[in-house]
């Protein structure tokens, strides 16, 4: 598999995560697409000499991503305000230099979990587990990395599913 094919695989699998969102954050705008509403997933689109990857149905809400600009994928876990300060996991698709993301300057786009905690406050293994499994499937790819907090998160969250370890 070449680099673009591997990125297509990682992004397609990330977009298939249940209860997740594709997030594009720039100064002054945050766009969030619920992955379950994106329809056919990732489709390569060519217009003249320009190639992009469309996410979502052409007839509905969609966006175009430039996978050729992605230089790395970082799996991260950190406390976030939208989860009441609890840990959430994100797959960051990184670019070279500053792309205008005020939170992570090289964060071109990301896929993050939406509701990783049950109403009881306990972590949902059915939501966290597939994110850890996604990393496990691709961790040996040279441009895929994980933060120490991501690697420590399964134990910190008390997850017991095999996919989380």
Protein backbone atom coordinates (compact mmCIF):
# COMPACT_ATOMS: atom_id res chain seq x y z
CA UNK A 1 0.00 0.00 0.00
CA UNK A 2 1.42 3.42 -0.87
CA UNK A 3 1.14 6.45 1.45
CA UNK A 4 -2.09 7.83 -0.07
CA UNK A 5 -3.74 4.40 -0.07
CA UNK A 6 -2.80 3.96 3.59
CA UNK A 7 -4.19 7.42 4.44
CA UNK A 8 -7.39 6.53 2.58
CA UNK A 9 -7.66 3.34 4.64
CA UNK A 10 -7.02 5.10 7.96
CA UNK A 11 -9.45 7.92 7.20
CA UNK A 12 -12.14 5.56 5.86
CA UNK A 13 -11.88 3.45 9.01
CA UNK A 14 -11.92 6.54 11.24
CA UNK A 15 -15.04 7.82 9.44
CA UNK A 16 -16.68 4.44 10.12
CA UNK A 17 -16.27 4.85 13.88
CA UNK A 18 -19.65 4.93 15.60
CA UNK A 19 -20.58 8.13 17.39
CA UNK A 20 -17.72 10.22 16.00
CA UNK A 21 -17.26 13.46 14.09
CA UNK A 22 -15.00 14.77 11.35
CA UNK A 23 -13.80 18.15 12.64
CA UNK A 24 -12.20 21.00 10.69
CA UNK A 25 -11.13 23.89 12.93
CA UNK A 26 -9.74 27.19 11.68
CA UNK A 27 -9.50 30.59 13.28
CA UNK A 28 -13.08 31.81 13.48
CA UNK A 29 -14.80 28.61 12.30
CA UNK A 30 -15.30 25.07 13.52
CA UNK A 31 -17.04 22.64 11.15
CA UNK A 32 -18.24 19.31 12.51
CA UNK A 33 -19.73 16.49 10.45
CA UNK A 34 -21.27 13.58 12.36
CA UNK A 35 -19.68 10.55 10.70
CA UNK A 36 -22.91 8.57 10.78
CA UNK A 37 -24.53 11.19 8.52
CA UNK A 38 -21.81 11.27 5.88
CA UNK A 39 -23.23 8.59 3.62
CA UNK A 40 -20.87 6.85 1.24
CA UNK A 41 -17.70 7.71 3.14
CA UNK A 42 -14.52 8.69 1.31
CA UNK A 43 -14.54 9.10 -2.49
CA UNK A 44 -11.64 10.34 -4.62
CA UNK A 45 -12.70 13.23 -6.87
CA UNK A 46 -10.73 14.59 -9.81
CA UNK A 47 -11.33 17.97 -11.49
CA UNK A 48 -8.75 18.77 -14.14
CA UNK A 49 -5.35 18.32 -12.51
CA UNK A 50 -6.75 18.64 -8.98
CA UNK A 51 -7.50 15.55 -6.90
CA UNK A 52 -9.35 15.70 -3.61
CA UNK A 53 -11.20 13.25 -1.42
CA UNK A 54 -14.88 13.95 -0.88
CA UNK A 55 -16.47 13.01 2.41
CA UNK A 56 -20.27 12.84 2.37
CA UNK A 57 -22.79 12.61 -0.46
CA UNK A 58 -22.47 15.01 -3.40
CA UNK A 59 -26.19 15.89 -3.07
CA UNK A 60 -25.91 16.69 0.64
CA UNK A 61 -23.53 18.21 3.16
CA UNK A 62 -19.98 17.24 2.28
CA UNK A 63 -16.42 18.50 2.18
CA UNK A 64 -13.29 17.87 0.16
CA UNK A 65 -10.01 16.96 1.84
CA UNK A 66 -6.52 17.03 0.36
CA UNK A 67 -4.91 13.82 1.58
CA UNK A 68 -1.73 14.69 -0.34
CA UNK A 69 -1.23 17.48 2.24
CA UNK A 70 -1.34 15.05 5.18
CA UNK A 71 2.15 14.31 6.51
CA UNK A 72 1.16 12.30 9.58
CA UNK A 73 -1.59 10.86 11.72
CA UNK A 74 -1.44 11.38 15.48
CA UNK A 75 -3.68 9.48 17.88
CA UNK A 76 -4.16 11.62 20.99
CA UNK A 77 -6.13 11.52 24.22
CA UNK A 78 -6.63 14.47 26.50
CA UNK A 79 -9.18 16.07 28.79
CA UNK A 80 -11.62 18.20 26.78
CA UNK A 81 -14.31 20.67 27.75
CA UNK A 82 -17.02 19.02 25.63
CA UNK A 83 -16.65 15.88 27.79
CA UNK A 84 -16.78 17.80 31.07
CA UNK A 85 -12.98 17.75 31.39
CA UNK A 86 -12.75 14.00 30.91
CA UNK A 87 -10.43 12.25 28.44
CA UNK A 88 -11.47 11.99 24.81
CA UNK A 89 -9.62 10.43 21.89
CA UNK A 90 -8.87 12.04 18.53
CA UNK A 91 -7.16 10.91 15.35
CA UNK A 92 -5.41 14.03 14.02
CA UNK A 93 -4.48 14.27 10.34
CA UNK A 94 -1.50 16.61 10.34
CA UNK A 95 -0.02 18.90 7.70
CA UNK A 96 3.32 20.59 7.29
CA UNK A 97 3.44 23.96 9.08
CA UNK A 98 0.56 26.10 10.24
CA UNK A 99 -2.87 25.42 8.68
CA UNK A 100 -4.76 27.99 10.78
CA UNK A 101 -6.09 25.63 13.44
CA UNK A 102 -5.95 27.69 16.66
CA UNK A 103 -5.85 24.55 18.83
CA UNK A 104 -3.26 22.46 16.97
CA UNK A 105 -1.43 24.54 14.37
CA UNK A 106 -0.67 21.52 12.15
CA UNK A 107 -4.09 19.88 12.66
CA UNK A 108 -5.53 19.85 9.14
CA UNK A 109 -8.61 17.87 10.27
CA UNK A 110 -9.48 15.24 12.86
CA UNK A 111 -11.90 12.51 13.76
CA UNK A 112 -12.99 12.62 17.38
CA UNK A 113 -15.41 10.66 19.53
CA UNK A 114 -18.74 12.28 20.41
CA UNK A 115 -20.25 10.40 23.34
CA UNK A 116 -17.54 8.20 24.82
CA UNK A 117 -19.15 8.24 28.28
CA UNK A 118 -22.40 6.66 29.44
CA UNK A 119 -24.92 8.78 31.36
CA UNK A 120 -23.49 7.13 34.49
CA UNK A 121 -20.16 8.79 33.67
CA UNK A 122 -18.40 5.51 32.93
CA UNK A 123 -16.33 5.20 29.72
CA UNK A 124 -18.12 3.36 26.92
CA UNK A 125 -15.88 0.51 25.77
CA UNK A 126 -17.98 0.16 22.60
CA UNK A 127 -16.95 3.72 21.61
CA UNK A 128 -13.37 3.96 22.94
CA UNK A 129 -12.37 0.41 21.95
CA UNK A 130 -12.68 0.88 18.16
CA UNK A 131 -10.48 4.03 18.30
CA UNK A 132 -7.74 2.06 20.08
CA UNK A 133 -8.21 -0.80 17.61
CA UNK A 134 -7.83 1.66 14.71
CA UNK A 135 -4.49 2.79 16.10
CA UNK A 136 -3.41 -0.83 16.66
CA UNK A 137 -4.13 -1.69 13.00
CA UNK A 138 -1.90 1.13 11.74
CA UNK A 139 0.68 1.75 14.48
CA UNK A 140 3.50 0.20 12.44
CA UNK A 141 3.06 2.70 9.60
CA UNK A 142 5.92 5.22 9.65
CA UNK A 143 3.74 8.34 9.63
CA UNK A 144 1.33 7.11 12.34
CA UNK A 145 2.16 8.08 15.93
CA UNK A 146 0.40 8.14 19.28
CA UNK A 147 0.85 10.43 22.26
CA UNK A 148 1.84 8.97 25.60
CA UNK A 149 -1.59 9.95 26.95
CA UNK A 150 -3.29 7.97 24.16
CA UNK A 151 -1.16 4.91 24.89
CA UNK A 152 -1.94 5.20 28.62
CA UNK A 153 -5.66 5.96 28.15
CA UNK A 154 -7.05 2.38 28.07
CA UNK A 155 -5.62 1.67 31.53
CA UNK A 156 -6.49 5.14 32.82
CA UNK A 157 -10.09 4.65 31.67
CA UNK A 158 -10.27 1.13 33.10
CA UNK A 159 -11.14 -0.42 29.75
CA UNK A 160 -11.08 -4.19 29.52
CA UNK A 161 -11.98 -4.96 25.90
CA UNK A 162 -9.17 -6.70 23.95
CA UNK A 163 -9.36 -3.97 21.24
CA UNK A 164 -8.42 -1.36 23.83
CA UNK A 165 -5.08 -2.97 24.73
